[in-house]
Amino acid sequence: MEASEFPELSERFDVYGVPKTVINDVGSMEGAIPENTFMEKILQTIN
C-alpha cells in the first residue's frame, strides 16, 4: 500500500521505512532482509 494514500494505516503500523511487512497484526519487519530471515520471522509469528 502507499503510505501517503492511507495515512491512518501507516500510523497504525508505524510505517517509517519501506518495505514494511506486517504479519497478521502480530509481527512486522522493516527494510530489505534476506529471504531466510523473512521466512523465519513469518514462522515465528504464526507459531
Protein backbone atom coordinates (compact mmCIF):
# COMPACT_ATOMS: atom_id res chain seq x y z
CA MET A 1 0.00 0.00 0.00
CA GLU A 2 1.10 3.57 -0.48
CA ALA A 3 1.57 5.06 3.00
CA SER A 4 0.75 8.60 1.87
CA GLU A 5 -2.59 7.42 0.45
CA PHE A 6 -3.53 5.58 3.66
CA PRO A 7 -2.12 7.71 6.49
CA GLU A 8 -4.30 6.05 9.13
CA LEU A 9 -2.85 2.63 8.31
CA SER A 10 0.72 3.89 8.10
CA GLU A 11 0.29 5.46 11.53
CA ARG A 12 -1.37 2.35 12.97
CA PHE A 13 1.52 0.14 11.85
CA ASP A 14 4.28 2.72 12.47
CA VAL A 15 5.45 2.76 8.85
CA TYR A 16 8.63 4.84 8.67
CA GLY A 17 10.54 2.91 6.04
CA VAL A 18 9.92 0.69 3.09
CA PRO A 19 9.41 -2.11 2.61
CA LYS A 20 7.43 -2.82 5.77
CA THR A 21 5.77 -6.20 6.11
CA VAL A 22 3.05 -6.70 8.73
CA ILE A 23 2.07 -10.26 9.58
CA ASN A 24 -1.50 -10.68 10.84
CA ASP A 25 -1.24 -7.56 13.04
CA VAL A 26 1.14 -9.56 15.27
CA GLY A 27 4.61 -9.22 13.82
CA SER A 28 6.39 -6.94 11.41
CA MET A 29 9.64 -6.48 9.52
CA GLU A 30 11.09 -3.33 8.05
CA GLY A 31 13.62 -2.94 5.29
CA ALA A 32 15.12 -5.37 2.83
CA ILE A 33 16.05 -8.59 4.60
CA PRO A 34 17.37 -11.93 3.37
CA GLU A 35 14.78 -14.48 2.33
CA ASN A 36 15.71 -16.98 5.06
CA THR A 37 15.31 -14.27 7.76
CA PHE A 38 11.96 -13.29 6.24
CA MET A 39 10.72 -16.88 6.39
CA GLU A 40 12.00 -17.39 9.95
CA LYS A 41 10.11 -14.31 11.13
CA ILE A 42 6.89 -15.48 9.45
CA LEU A 43 7.18 -18.93 11.01
CA GLN A 44 7.89 -17.45 14.46
CA THR A 45 4.89 -15.17 14.15
CA ILE A 46 2.38 -17.82 13.13
CA ASN A 47 3.53 -20.38 15.70
